[in-house]
């Protein structure tokens, strides 16, 4: 207990000095640990994606600022409550990140509303290897999923056009799917590809 202090009022001389020195040492240790805790907390709060820490009973013992923002809660109000308060559709199911970790799966993906997310979960262990909790990191992969789906769709359309062209069928489809902020750059690429393909088709039709 580094907060404990020795009452030196009944001591004298060297013994009092030694106890005073010991009290001073514990005081410095307490300040150092307090500063370290705040320092690590600040680091976790600066990370721009949700991080939460739970005990082995899946109760929250820490959430960073990104998690507070995502859940619209304060850290003080949610500590000690069950992590199912995430409110995600995988909570209390076999697809829960912690439940999957217990089966040896440390990463999974899920959908929530219109968003797509990846969760990475690992155990927190003591130096002796005893499991004492979990740390979970949630990453928003919505843009990645949108781009991947858009890319797959447009590649398939381009492949169909090339298959037609290979057998002399010039009745190709040059339209490109409507893009949003996530897929606009990929869309522009396929618009350019289709313009070139359309120009080549016109040239072939005049031959």
N, C-alpha and C. Protein backbone atom coordinates (compact mmCIF):
# COMPACT_ATOMS: atom_id res chain seq x y z
N UNK A 1 0.85 -1.18 0.00
CA UNK A 1 0.00 0.00 0.00
C UNK A 1 0.89 1.23 0.00
N UNK A 2 1.12 1.80 -1.19
CA UNK A 2 2.05 2.93 -1.28
C UNK A 2 1.41 4.22 -0.80
N UNK A 3 0.14 4.18 -0.44
CA UNK A 3 -0.49 5.37 0.13
C UNK A 3 -0.36 5.40 1.65
N UNK A 4 0.10 4.29 2.25
CA UNK A 4 0.29 4.26 3.70
C UNK A 4 1.49 5.10 4.10
N UNK A 5 1.41 5.73 5.27
CA UNK A 5 2.50 6.56 5.79
C UNK A 5 2.78 6.19 7.25
N UNK A 6 4.03 6.31 7.61
CA UNK A 6 4.42 6.02 8.99
C UNK A 6 4.24 7.27 9.83
N UNK A 7 3.59 7.13 10.97
CA UNK A 7 3.44 8.24 11.91
C UNK A 7 4.75 8.38 12.68
N UNK A 8 5.49 9.41 12.41
CA UNK A 8 6.83 9.58 13.00
C UNK A 8 6.82 10.50 14.23
N UNK A 9 5.62 10.88 14.66
CA UNK A 9 5.57 11.84 15.78
C UNK A 9 6.16 11.27 17.07
N UNK A 10 6.13 9.95 17.22
CA UNK A 10 6.66 9.36 18.46
C UNK A 10 8.11 8.95 18.36
N UNK A 11 8.73 9.20 17.20
CA UNK A 11 10.12 8.80 17.00
C UNK A 11 11.05 9.99 17.16
N UNK A 12 12.31 9.69 17.37
CA UNK A 12 13.30 10.74 17.54
C UNK A 12 14.56 10.40 16.75
N UNK A 13 15.32 11.45 16.52
CA UNK A 13 16.67 11.31 15.96
C UNK A 13 16.68 10.53 14.66
N UNK A 14 17.62 9.56 14.58
CA UNK A 14 17.87 8.85 13.33
C UNK A 14 16.67 8.03 12.88
N UNK A 15 15.95 7.44 13.81
CA UNK A 15 14.79 6.63 13.45
C UNK A 15 13.70 7.50 12.81
N UNK A 16 13.52 8.71 13.35
CA UNK A 16 12.54 9.61 12.76
C UNK A 16 12.97 10.03 11.36
N UNK A 17 14.24 10.31 11.19
CA UNK A 17 14.76 10.69 9.87
C UNK A 17 14.59 9.57 8.86
N UNK A 18 14.87 8.34 9.30
CA UNK A 18 14.74 7.19 8.40
C UNK A 18 13.29 6.98 7.97
N UNK A 19 12.36 7.13 8.95
CA UNK A 19 10.94 6.96 8.63
C UNK A 19 10.44 8.09 7.73
N UNK A 20 10.92 9.30 7.99
CA UNK A 20 10.55 10.42 7.13
C UNK A 20 11.02 10.19 5.69
N UNK A 21 12.25 9.64 5.57
CA UNK A 21 12.79 9.34 4.24
C UNK A 21 11.95 8.27 3.55
N UNK A 22 11.51 7.26 4.33
CA UNK A 22 10.70 6.20 3.77
C UNK A 22 9.35 6.75 3.31
N UNK A 23 8.76 7.62 4.12
CA UNK A 23 7.50 8.26 3.73
C UNK A 23 7.67 9.04 2.44
N UNK A 24 8.81 9.75 2.32
CA UNK A 24 9.09 10.52 1.12
C UNK A 24 9.22 9.65 -0.11
N UNK A 25 9.84 8.49 0.07
CA UNK A 25 10.00 7.55 -1.04
C UNK A 25 8.65 7.05 -1.54
N UNK A 26 7.77 6.67 -0.58
CA UNK A 26 6.44 6.21 -0.96
C UNK A 26 5.64 7.32 -1.63
N UNK A 27 5.84 8.55 -1.17
CA UNK A 27 5.13 9.67 -1.78
C UNK A 27 5.55 9.85 -3.24
N UNK A 28 6.85 9.75 -3.49
CA UNK A 28 7.34 9.87 -4.86
C UNK A 28 6.82 8.73 -5.74
N UNK A 29 6.78 7.51 -5.16
CA UNK A 29 6.26 6.36 -5.91
C UNK A 29 4.80 6.57 -6.28
N UNK A 30 4.02 7.08 -5.33
CA UNK A 30 2.60 7.32 -5.58
C UNK A 30 2.40 8.33 -6.69
N UNK A 31 3.20 9.40 -6.66
CA UNK A 31 3.09 10.43 -7.69
C UNK A 31 3.50 9.90 -9.05
N UNK A 32 4.56 9.07 -9.06
CA UNK A 32 5.04 8.50 -10.32
C UNK A 32 3.99 7.59 -10.94
N UNK A 33 3.39 6.72 -10.09
CA UNK A 33 2.37 5.81 -10.60
C UNK A 33 1.15 6.57 -11.09
N UNK A 34 0.80 7.62 -10.38
CA UNK A 34 -0.34 8.43 -10.79
C UNK A 34 -0.07 9.11 -12.11
N UNK A 35 1.14 9.65 -12.27
CA UNK A 35 1.51 10.30 -13.53
C UNK A 35 1.54 9.29 -14.67
N UNK A 36 2.06 8.08 -14.39
CA UNK A 36 2.15 7.05 -15.42
C UNK A 36 0.77 6.65 -15.89
N UNK A 37 -0.16 6.49 -14.92
CA UNK A 37 -1.52 6.11 -15.27
C UNK A 37 -2.17 7.15 -16.18
N UNK A 38 -2.00 8.42 -15.84
CA UNK A 38 -2.55 9.50 -16.66
C UNK A 38 -1.89 9.54 -18.03
N UNK A 39 -0.59 9.25 -18.04
CA UNK A 39 0.17 9.26 -19.30
C UNK A 39 -0.34 8.18 -20.24
N UNK A 40 -0.51 6.95 -19.73
CA UNK A 40 -1.01 5.86 -20.56
C UNK A 40 -2.45 6.12 -20.99
N UNK A 41 -3.23 6.68 -20.10
CA UNK A 41 -4.62 7.01 -20.42
C UNK A 41 -4.68 8.03 -21.55
N UNK A 42 -3.79 9.01 -21.51
CA UNK A 42 -3.75 10.03 -22.55
C UNK A 42 -3.37 9.43 -23.91
N UNK A 43 -2.45 8.47 -23.88
CA UNK A 43 -2.06 7.80 -25.12
C UNK A 43 -3.25 7.07 -25.72
N UNK A 44 -3.97 6.31 -24.89
CA UNK A 44 -5.12 5.56 -25.38
C UNK A 44 -6.22 6.49 -25.87
N UNK A 45 -6.39 7.63 -25.19
CA UNK A 45 -7.41 8.59 -25.60
C UNK A 45 -7.07 9.26 -26.92
N UNK A 46 -5.79 9.31 -27.27
CA UNK A 46 -5.39 9.97 -28.51
C UNK A 46 -5.56 9.07 -29.74
N UNK A 47 -5.77 7.77 -29.51
CA UNK A 47 -5.94 6.83 -30.62
C UNK A 47 -7.34 7.01 -31.20
N UNK A 48 -7.44 7.20 -32.52
CA UNK A 48 -8.72 7.61 -33.13
C UNK A 48 -9.69 6.48 -33.43
N UNK A 49 -9.58 5.34 -32.77
CA UNK A 49 -10.60 4.31 -32.91
C UNK A 49 -10.88 3.70 -31.54
N UNK A 50 -12.07 3.13 -31.37
CA UNK A 50 -12.50 2.67 -30.05
C UNK A 50 -11.65 1.53 -29.49
N UNK A 51 -11.26 1.69 -28.23
CA UNK A 51 -10.54 0.66 -27.49
C UNK A 51 -11.24 0.49 -26.15
N UNK A 52 -11.50 -0.76 -25.79
CA UNK A 52 -12.11 -1.01 -24.49
C UNK A 52 -11.41 -2.18 -23.81
N UNK A 53 -11.42 -2.14 -22.49
CA UNK A 53 -10.79 -3.18 -21.68
C UNK A 53 -11.85 -3.75 -20.76
N UNK A 54 -11.94 -5.08 -20.72
CA UNK A 54 -12.91 -5.75 -19.85
C UNK A 54 -12.21 -6.77 -18.97
N UNK A 55 -12.84 -7.10 -17.84
CA UNK A 55 -12.31 -8.17 -17.00
C UNK A 55 -12.78 -9.51 -17.55
N UNK A 56 -12.47 -10.59 -16.85
CA UNK A 56 -12.82 -11.91 -17.36
C UNK A 56 -14.32 -12.17 -17.34
N UNK A 57 -15.07 -11.34 -16.61
CA UNK A 57 -16.53 -11.46 -16.60
C UNK A 57 -17.17 -10.54 -17.65
N UNK A 58 -16.32 -9.94 -18.48
CA UNK A 58 -16.76 -9.09 -19.59
C UNK A 58 -17.37 -7.77 -19.12
N UNK A 59 -16.95 -7.33 -17.94
CA UNK A 59 -17.35 -6.01 -17.45
C UNK A 59 -16.27 -5.00 -17.80
N UNK A 60 -16.67 -3.81 -18.23
CA UNK A 60 -15.71 -2.79 -18.62
C UNK A 60 -14.90 -2.29 -17.42
N UNK A 61 -13.60 -2.18 -17.63
CA UNK A 61 -12.75 -1.54 -16.64
C UNK A 61 -12.05 -0.31 -17.23
N UNK A 62 -12.17 -0.16 -18.55
CA UNK A 62 -11.64 1.06 -19.19
C UNK A 62 -12.22 1.17 -20.59
N UNK A 63 -12.53 2.40 -21.01
CA UNK A 63 -12.83 2.70 -22.41
C UNK A 63 -12.11 4.00 -22.75
N UNK A 64 -11.62 4.10 -23.98
CA UNK A 64 -10.93 5.33 -24.36
C UNK A 64 -11.93 6.37 -24.88
N UNK A 65 -11.43 7.55 -25.20
CA UNK A 65 -12.31 8.65 -25.58
C UNK A 65 -13.09 8.35 -26.86
N UNK A 66 -12.47 7.64 -27.80
CA UNK A 66 -13.17 7.29 -29.04
C UNK A 66 -14.38 6.42 -28.75
N UNK A 67 -14.25 5.53 -27.77
CA UNK A 67 -15.38 4.69 -27.38
C UNK A 67 -16.47 5.53 -26.73
N UNK A 68 -16.07 6.47 -25.89
CA UNK A 68 -17.04 7.37 -25.27
C UNK A 68 -17.85 8.10 -26.36
N UNK A 69 -17.14 8.58 -27.37
CA UNK A 69 -17.81 9.31 -28.45
C UNK A 69 -18.73 8.41 -29.25
N UNK A 70 -18.26 7.21 -29.56
CA UNK A 70 -19.04 6.27 -30.37
C UNK A 70 -20.33 5.86 -29.65
N UNK A 71 -20.23 5.64 -28.34
CA UNK A 71 -21.37 5.18 -27.57
C UNK A 71 -22.16 6.32 -26.94
N UNK A 72 -21.61 7.54 -27.03
CA UNK A 72 -22.24 8.71 -26.42
C UNK A 72 -22.44 8.50 -24.92
N UNK A 73 -21.37 8.06 -24.26
CA UNK A 73 -21.40 7.84 -22.81
C UNK A 73 -20.14 8.46 -22.20
N UNK A 74 -20.13 8.55 -20.89
CA UNK A 74 -18.92 8.98 -20.19
C UNK A 74 -18.26 7.77 -19.56
N UNK A 75 -16.98 7.80 -19.47
CA UNK A 75 -16.20 6.69 -18.92
C UNK A 75 -16.65 6.35 -17.50
N UNK A 76 -16.89 7.37 -16.70
CA UNK A 76 -17.25 7.15 -15.31
C UNK A 76 -18.58 6.41 -15.18
N UNK A 77 -19.51 6.67 -16.09
CA UNK A 77 -20.83 6.07 -16.00
C UNK A 77 -20.86 4.62 -16.44
N UNK A 78 -19.93 4.23 -17.31
CA UNK A 78 -20.03 2.90 -17.92
C UNK A 78 -19.09 1.87 -17.32
N UNK A 79 -18.04 2.34 -16.62
CA UNK A 79 -17.10 1.40 -16.01
C UNK A 79 -17.84 0.51 -15.01
N UNK A 80 -17.57 -0.79 -15.09
CA UNK A 80 -18.22 -1.75 -14.21
C UNK A 80 -19.45 -2.40 -14.80
N UNK A 81 -19.93 -1.87 -15.94
CA UNK A 81 -21.10 -2.46 -16.59
C UNK A 81 -20.65 -3.48 -17.64
N UNK A 82 -21.58 -4.33 -18.05
CA UNK A 82 -21.26 -5.39 -19.00
C UNK A 82 -21.01 -4.81 -20.39
N UNK A 83 -20.06 -5.42 -21.09
CA UNK A 83 -19.67 -4.86 -22.39
C UNK A 83 -20.75 -5.02 -23.45
N UNK A 84 -21.79 -5.77 -23.16
CA UNK A 84 -22.90 -5.87 -24.12
C UNK A 84 -23.61 -4.53 -24.29
N UNK A 85 -23.26 -3.57 -23.41
CA UNK A 85 -23.81 -2.22 -23.56
C UNK A 85 -23.28 -1.51 -24.81
N UNK A 86 -22.35 -2.16 -25.53
CA UNK A 86 -21.99 -1.68 -26.86
C UNK A 86 -23.25 -1.51 -27.69
N UNK A 87 -24.17 -2.46 -27.50
CA UNK A 87 -25.41 -2.42 -28.29
C UNK A 87 -25.24 -2.92 -29.70
N UNK A 88 -24.10 -3.56 -29.99
CA UNK A 88 -23.88 -4.09 -31.34
C UNK A 88 -24.73 -5.34 -31.53
N UNK A 89 -25.04 -5.64 -32.80
CA UNK A 89 -25.90 -6.80 -33.05
C UNK A 89 -25.19 -8.13 -32.80
N UNK A 90 -23.88 -8.10 -32.53
CA UNK A 90 -23.17 -9.34 -32.21
C UNK A 90 -23.08 -9.57 -30.70
N UNK A 91 -23.49 -8.58 -29.91
CA UNK A 91 -23.44 -8.73 -28.46
C UNK A 91 -24.40 -9.83 -28.02
N UNK A 92 -23.95 -10.61 -27.04
CA UNK A 92 -24.72 -11.73 -26.49
C UNK A 92 -25.05 -12.78 -27.55
N UNK A 93 -24.18 -12.89 -28.55
CA UNK A 93 -24.32 -13.94 -29.56
C UNK A 93 -23.00 -14.69 -29.65
N UNK A 94 -22.99 -15.77 -30.44
CA UNK A 94 -21.76 -16.53 -30.62
C UNK A 94 -20.72 -15.77 -31.43
N UNK A 95 -21.14 -14.66 -32.07
CA UNK A 95 -20.21 -13.86 -32.86
C UNK A 95 -19.60 -12.71 -32.06
N UNK A 96 -19.91 -12.64 -30.78
CA UNK A 96 -19.27 -11.66 -29.90
C UNK A 96 -17.75 -11.83 -29.97
N UNK A 97 -17.03 -10.71 -30.03
CA UNK A 97 -15.58 -10.79 -30.16
C UNK A 97 -14.90 -11.60 -29.08
N UNK A 98 -15.34 -11.42 -27.83
CA UNK A 98 -14.73 -12.16 -26.72
C UNK A 98 -15.10 -13.64 -26.79
N UNK A 99 -16.35 -13.94 -27.15
CA UNK A 99 -16.75 -15.33 -27.28
C UNK A 99 -15.93 -16.02 -28.37
N UNK A 100 -15.67 -15.31 -29.46
CA UNK A 100 -14.85 -15.89 -30.53
C UNK A 100 -13.41 -16.07 -30.07
N UNK A 101 -12.89 -15.11 -29.28
CA UNK A 101 -11.53 -15.24 -28.76
C UNK A 101 -11.39 -16.51 -27.94
N UNK A 102 -12.39 -16.83 -27.16
CA UNK A 102 -12.35 -18.05 -26.33
C UNK A 102 -12.33 -19.31 -27.18
N UNK A 103 -12.70 -19.18 -28.45
CA UNK A 103 -12.64 -20.30 -29.39
C UNK A 103 -11.38 -20.24 -30.25
N UNK A 104 -10.51 -19.27 -29.93
CA UNK A 104 -9.25 -19.15 -30.66
C UNK A 104 -9.29 -18.22 -31.84
N UNK A 105 -10.38 -17.47 -32.01
CA UNK A 105 -10.51 -16.53 -33.13
C UNK A 105 -10.39 -15.11 -32.59
N UNK A 106 -9.35 -14.40 -33.00
CA UNK A 106 -9.07 -13.09 -32.41
C UNK A 106 -9.58 -11.91 -33.23
N UNK A 107 -10.04 -12.17 -34.45
CA UNK A 107 -10.50 -11.09 -35.31
C UNK A 107 -11.78 -11.50 -36.00
N UNK A 108 -12.73 -10.58 -36.10
CA UNK A 108 -13.98 -10.86 -36.79
C UNK A 108 -14.55 -9.56 -37.33
N UNK A 109 -15.53 -9.68 -38.21
CA UNK A 109 -16.18 -8.51 -38.79
C UNK A 109 -17.67 -8.59 -38.53
N UNK A 110 -18.31 -7.43 -38.48
CA UNK A 110 -19.75 -7.40 -38.30
C UNK A 110 -20.30 -6.13 -38.92
N UNK A 111 -21.61 -6.15 -39.17
CA UNK A 111 -22.31 -4.99 -39.71
C UNK A 111 -23.18 -4.38 -38.62
N UNK A 112 -23.27 -3.07 -38.62
CA UNK A 112 -24.13 -2.37 -37.69
C UNK A 112 -24.74 -1.20 -38.44
N UNK A 113 -26.06 -1.24 -38.65
CA UNK A 113 -26.67 -0.21 -39.45
C UNK A 113 -26.11 -0.27 -40.86
N UNK A 114 -25.60 0.85 -41.36
CA UNK A 114 -24.99 0.89 -42.69
C UNK A 114 -23.47 0.76 -42.61
N UNK A 115 -22.95 0.55 -41.41
CA UNK A 115 -21.50 0.48 -41.24
C UNK A 115 -20.98 -0.95 -41.17
N UNK A 116 -19.70 -1.09 -41.46
CA UNK A 116 -19.01 -2.37 -41.38
C UNK A 116 -17.81 -2.17 -40.45
N UNK A 117 -17.60 -3.15 -39.55
CA UNK A 117 -16.57 -2.99 -38.54
C UNK A 117 -15.77 -4.28 -38.37
N UNK A 118 -14.51 -4.11 -37.98
CA UNK A 118 -13.68 -5.26 -37.61
C UNK A 118 -13.33 -5.12 -36.14
N UNK A 119 -13.41 -6.20 -35.40
CA UNK A 119 -13.01 -6.19 -34.01
C UNK A 119 -11.84 -7.13 -33.80
N UNK A 120 -10.82 -6.65 -33.11
CA UNK A 120 -9.66 -7.46 -32.74
C UNK A 120 -9.61 -7.53 -31.22
N UNK A 121 -9.59 -8.74 -30.70
CA UNK A 121 -9.62 -8.94 -29.26
C UNK A 121 -8.44 -9.81 -28.84
N UNK A 122 -7.81 -9.46 -27.73
CA UNK A 122 -6.73 -10.29 -27.19
C UNK A 122 -6.84 -10.30 -25.67
N UNK A 123 -6.22 -11.31 -25.08
CA UNK A 123 -6.23 -11.43 -23.63
C UNK A 123 -5.21 -10.49 -23.00
N UNK A 124 -5.51 -10.05 -21.80
CA UNK A 124 -4.54 -9.36 -20.96
C UNK A 124 -4.04 -10.40 -19.96
N UNK A 125 -2.73 -10.57 -19.87
CA UNK A 125 -2.17 -11.59 -19.01
C UNK A 125 -1.18 -10.99 -18.02
N UNK A 126 -1.07 -11.62 -16.86
CA UNK A 126 -0.05 -11.24 -15.88
C UNK A 126 1.30 -11.78 -16.33
N UNK A 127 2.36 -11.42 -15.62
CA UNK A 127 3.70 -11.93 -15.95
C UNK A 127 3.74 -13.44 -15.85
N UNK A 128 2.87 -13.99 -15.01
CA UNK A 128 2.84 -15.44 -14.82
C UNK A 128 1.99 -16.14 -15.87
N UNK A 129 1.37 -15.37 -16.77
CA UNK A 129 0.57 -15.95 -17.83
C UNK A 129 -0.90 -16.15 -17.48
N UNK A 130 -1.32 -15.62 -16.33
CA UNK A 130 -2.72 -15.75 -15.96
C UNK A 130 -3.56 -14.74 -16.73
N UNK A 131 -4.65 -15.21 -17.34
CA UNK A 131 -5.54 -14.33 -18.07
C UNK A 131 -6.40 -13.54 -17.08
N UNK A 132 -6.36 -12.21 -17.19
CA UNK A 132 -7.09 -11.37 -16.24
C UNK A 132 -8.10 -10.44 -16.93
N UNK A 133 -8.12 -10.43 -18.24
CA UNK A 133 -9.06 -9.55 -18.93
C UNK A 133 -8.87 -9.60 -20.43
N UNK A 134 -9.54 -8.67 -21.10
CA UNK A 134 -9.49 -8.60 -22.56
C UNK A 134 -9.33 -7.15 -22.99
N UNK A 135 -8.67 -6.94 -24.11
CA UNK A 135 -8.64 -5.63 -24.74
C UNK A 135 -9.21 -5.79 -26.14
N UNK A 136 -10.12 -4.90 -26.48
CA UNK A 136 -10.82 -4.99 -27.76
C UNK A 136 -10.66 -3.69 -28.53
N UNK A 137 -10.30 -3.83 -29.79
CA UNK A 137 -10.14 -2.67 -30.68
C UNK A 137 -11.14 -2.80 -31.82
N UNK A 138 -11.92 -1.77 -32.04
CA UNK A 138 -12.92 -1.77 -33.11
C UNK A 138 -12.48 -0.80 -34.20
N UNK A 139 -12.46 -1.29 -35.42
CA UNK A 139 -12.04 -0.47 -36.56
C UNK A 139 -13.19 -0.35 -37.55
N UNK A 140 -13.46 0.86 -37.97
CA UNK A 140 -14.50 1.10 -38.98
C UNK A 140 -13.92 0.79 -40.36
N UNK A 141 -14.41 -0.26 -40.98
CA UNK A 141 -13.91 -0.67 -42.30
C UNK A 141 -14.97 -0.43 -43.38
N UNK A 142 -15.91 0.47 -43.10
CA UNK A 142 -17.01 0.73 -44.04
C UNK A 142 -16.49 1.15 -45.41
N UNK A 143 -15.56 2.10 -45.44
CA UNK A 143 -15.02 2.56 -46.72
C UNK A 143 -14.34 1.43 -47.48
N UNK A 144 -13.58 0.62 -46.75
CA UNK A 144 -12.88 -0.50 -47.39
C UNK A 144 -13.88 -1.46 -48.02
N UNK A 145 -14.95 -1.80 -47.29
CA UNK A 145 -15.95 -2.73 -47.80
C UNK A 145 -16.67 -2.14 -49.01
N UNK A 146 -17.02 -0.85 -48.94
CA UNK A 146 -17.70 -0.20 -50.07
C UNK A 146 -16.82 -0.22 -51.31
N UNK A 147 -15.56 0.13 -51.14
CA UNK A 147 -14.64 0.16 -52.28
C UNK A 147 -14.46 -1.24 -52.85
N UNK A 148 -14.32 -2.23 -51.97
CA UNK A 148 -14.12 -3.60 -52.42
C UNK A 148 -15.33 -4.11 -53.20
N UNK A 149 -16.54 -3.83 -52.69
CA UNK A 149 -17.76 -4.26 -53.38
C UNK A 149 -17.92 -3.54 -54.72
N UNK A 150 -17.63 -2.25 -54.73
CA UNK A 150 -17.75 -1.45 -55.96
C UNK A 150 -16.74 -1.97 -57.00
N UNK A 151 -15.53 -2.20 -56.55
CA UNK A 151 -14.49 -2.68 -57.44
C UNK A 151 -14.85 -4.03 -58.04
N UNK A 152 -15.36 -4.94 -57.22
CA UNK A 152 -15.74 -6.26 -57.70
C UNK A 152 -16.84 -6.15 -58.77
N UNK A 153 -17.82 -5.28 -58.52
CA UNK A 153 -18.92 -5.12 -59.47
C UNK A 153 -18.44 -4.57 -60.81
N UNK A 154 -17.60 -3.54 -60.77
CA UNK A 154 -17.13 -2.92 -62.01
C UNK A 154 -16.15 -3.80 -62.76
N UNK A 155 -15.34 -4.56 -62.04
CA UNK A 155 -14.43 -5.50 -62.71
C UNK A 155 -15.23 -6.57 -63.44
N UNK A 156 -16.28 -7.06 -62.81
CA UNK A 156 -17.15 -8.06 -63.47
C UNK A 156 -17.77 -7.49 -64.73
N UNK A 157 -18.24 -6.23 -64.67
CA UNK A 157 -18.85 -5.60 -65.86
C UNK A 157 -17.82 -5.45 -66.98
N UNK A 158 -16.62 -5.04 -66.60
CA UNK A 158 -15.57 -4.87 -67.60
C UNK A 158 -15.20 -6.21 -68.22
N UNK A 159 -15.15 -7.26 -67.40
CA UNK A 159 -14.82 -8.60 -67.91
C UNK A 159 -15.88 -9.07 -68.91
N UNK A 160 -17.16 -8.78 -68.62
CA UNK A 160 -18.24 -9.16 -69.55
C UNK A 160 -18.10 -8.43 -70.88
N UNK A 161 -17.73 -7.14 -70.81
CA UNK A 161 -17.53 -6.38 -72.05
C UNK A 161 -16.40 -6.97 -72.88
N UNK A 162 -15.32 -7.34 -72.20
CA UNK A 162 -14.18 -7.90 -72.93
C UNK A 162 -14.51 -9.27 -73.52
N UNK A 163 -15.34 -10.04 -72.82
CA UNK A 163 -15.76 -11.34 -73.36
C UNK A 163 -16.59 -11.15 -74.63
N UNK A 164 -17.48 -10.16 -74.60
CA UNK A 164 -18.28 -9.86 -75.80
C UNK A 164 -17.38 -9.41 -76.94
N UNK A 165 -16.45 -8.53 -76.62
CA UNK A 165 -15.55 -8.00 -77.65
C UNK A 165 -14.72 -9.11 -78.28
N UNK A 166 -14.36 -10.10 -77.48
CA UNK A 166 -13.52 -11.20 -77.98
C UNK A 166 -14.23 -12.03 -79.03
N UNK A 167 -15.57 -12.07 -78.99
CA UNK A 167 -16.32 -12.85 -79.98
C UNK A 167 -16.96 -11.95 -81.03
N UNK A 168 -16.55 -10.67 -81.07
CA UNK A 168 -17.03 -9.76 -82.10
C UNK A 168 -18.34 -9.07 -81.78
N UNK A 169 -18.82 -9.21 -80.57
CA UNK A 169 -20.06 -8.54 -80.17
C UNK A 169 -19.72 -7.14 -79.68
N UNK A 170 -20.18 -6.12 -80.43
CA UNK A 170 -19.85 -4.74 -80.09
C UNK A 170 -20.96 -4.05 -79.28
N UNK A 171 -21.95 -4.82 -78.88
CA UNK A 171 -23.05 -4.26 -78.08
C UNK A 171 -22.65 -4.29 -76.60
N UNK A 172 -21.80 -3.34 -76.21
CA UNK A 172 -21.25 -3.33 -74.86
C UNK A 172 -21.98 -2.33 -73.97
N UNK A 173 -21.83 -2.49 -72.67
CA UNK A 173 -22.44 -1.61 -71.67
C UNK A 173 -21.33 -0.76 -71.05
N UNK A 174 -21.44 0.56 -71.25
CA UNK A 174 -20.36 1.44 -70.80
C UNK A 174 -20.72 2.26 -69.54
N UNK A 175 -21.89 2.04 -69.00
CA UNK A 175 -22.27 2.82 -67.81
C UNK A 175 -21.50 2.32 -66.58
N UNK A 176 -21.27 3.25 -65.66
CA UNK A 176 -20.56 2.94 -64.41
C UNK A 176 -21.50 3.22 -63.25
N UNK A 177 -21.47 2.38 -62.24
CA UNK A 177 -22.36 2.54 -61.08
C UNK A 177 -22.14 3.89 -60.40
N UNK A 178 -23.21 4.41 -59.85
CA UNK A 178 -23.12 5.69 -59.14
C UNK A 178 -22.18 5.56 -57.94
N UNK A 179 -21.37 6.57 -57.74
CA UNK A 179 -20.37 6.52 -56.68
C UNK A 179 -20.77 7.42 -55.52
N UNK A 180 -20.18 7.16 -54.35
CA UNK A 180 -20.31 8.07 -53.21
C UNK A 180 -18.91 8.56 -52.85
N UNK A 181 -18.78 9.20 -51.70
CA UNK A 181 -17.48 9.75 -51.32
C UNK A 181 -16.42 8.67 -51.20
N UNK A 182 -16.83 7.47 -50.79
CA UNK A 182 -15.87 6.38 -50.59
C UNK A 182 -15.36 5.81 -51.91
N UNK A 183 -16.24 5.76 -52.91
CA UNK A 183 -15.92 5.05 -54.15
C UNK A 183 -15.66 5.98 -55.34
N UNK A 184 -15.66 7.28 -55.11
CA UNK A 184 -15.54 8.23 -56.22
C UNK A 184 -14.23 8.04 -57.00
N UNK A 185 -13.13 7.84 -56.30
CA UNK A 185 -11.85 7.69 -56.99
C UNK A 185 -11.83 6.44 -57.87
N UNK A 186 -12.38 5.33 -57.35
CA UNK A 186 -12.44 4.09 -58.13
C UNK A 186 -13.39 4.27 -59.31
N UNK A 187 -14.48 4.98 -59.09
CA UNK A 187 -15.44 5.23 -60.16
C UNK A 187 -14.79 5.98 -61.32
N UNK A 188 -14.01 6.99 -60.99
CA UNK A 188 -13.33 7.77 -62.03
C UNK A 188 -12.39 6.91 -62.86
N UNK A 189 -11.78 5.94 -62.22
CA UNK A 189 -10.89 5.02 -62.93
C UNK A 189 -11.68 4.20 -63.95
N UNK A 190 -12.83 3.67 -63.56
CA UNK A 190 -13.62 2.85 -64.48
C UNK A 190 -14.30 3.69 -65.55
N UNK A 191 -14.64 4.94 -65.23
CA UNK A 191 -15.16 5.84 -66.26
C UNK A 191 -14.12 6.03 -67.35
N UNK A 192 -12.87 6.21 -66.94
CA UNK A 192 -11.78 6.36 -67.91
C UNK A 192 -11.58 5.09 -68.73
N UNK A 193 -11.62 3.93 -68.07
CA UNK A 193 -11.46 2.66 -68.77
C UNK A 193 -12.58 2.47 -69.80
N UNK A 194 -13.80 2.78 -69.39
CA UNK A 194 -14.94 2.59 -70.30
C UNK A 194 -14.91 3.56 -71.49
N UNK A 195 -14.41 4.78 -71.26
CA UNK A 195 -14.27 5.72 -72.37
C UNK A 195 -13.28 5.18 -73.40
N UNK A 196 -12.16 4.64 -72.93
CA UNK A 196 -11.18 4.07 -73.85
C UNK A 196 -11.77 2.86 -74.58
N UNK A 197 -12.52 2.04 -73.84
CA UNK A 197 -13.12 0.85 -74.45
C UNK A 197 -14.20 1.24 -75.47
N UNK A 198 -14.94 2.29 -75.15
CA UNK A 198 -15.97 2.77 -76.06
C UNK A 198 -15.34 3.32 -77.34
N UNK A 199 -14.22 4.04 -77.18
CA UNK A 199 -13.52 4.56 -78.36
C UNK A 199 -13.00 3.45 -79.24
N UNK A 200 -12.46 2.41 -78.61
CA UNK A 200 -11.96 1.26 -79.38
C UNK A 200 -13.11 0.56 -80.10
N UNK A 201 -14.27 0.47 -79.45
CA UNK A 201 -15.43 -0.20 -80.07
C UNK A 201 -15.92 0.58 -81.28
N UNK A 202 -15.93 1.92 -81.19
CA UNK A 202 -16.35 2.74 -82.33
C UNK A 202 -15.40 2.53 -83.51
N UNK A 203 -14.11 2.49 -83.18
CA UNK A 203 -13.12 2.29 -84.25
C UNK A 203 -13.32 0.95 -84.94
N UNK A 204 -13.62 -0.09 -84.14
CA UNK A 204 -13.84 -1.42 -84.72
C UNK A 204 -15.11 -1.44 -85.57
N UNK A 205 -16.13 -0.71 -85.14
CA UNK A 205 -17.40 -0.73 -85.88
C UNK A 205 -17.27 -0.06 -87.23
N UNK A 206 -16.24 0.80 -87.41
CA UNK A 206 -16.06 1.48 -88.70
C UNK A 206 -15.19 0.68 -89.66
N UNK A 207 -14.65 -0.42 -89.16
CA UNK A 207 -13.76 -1.21 -90.01
C UNK A 207 -14.57 -2.13 -90.96
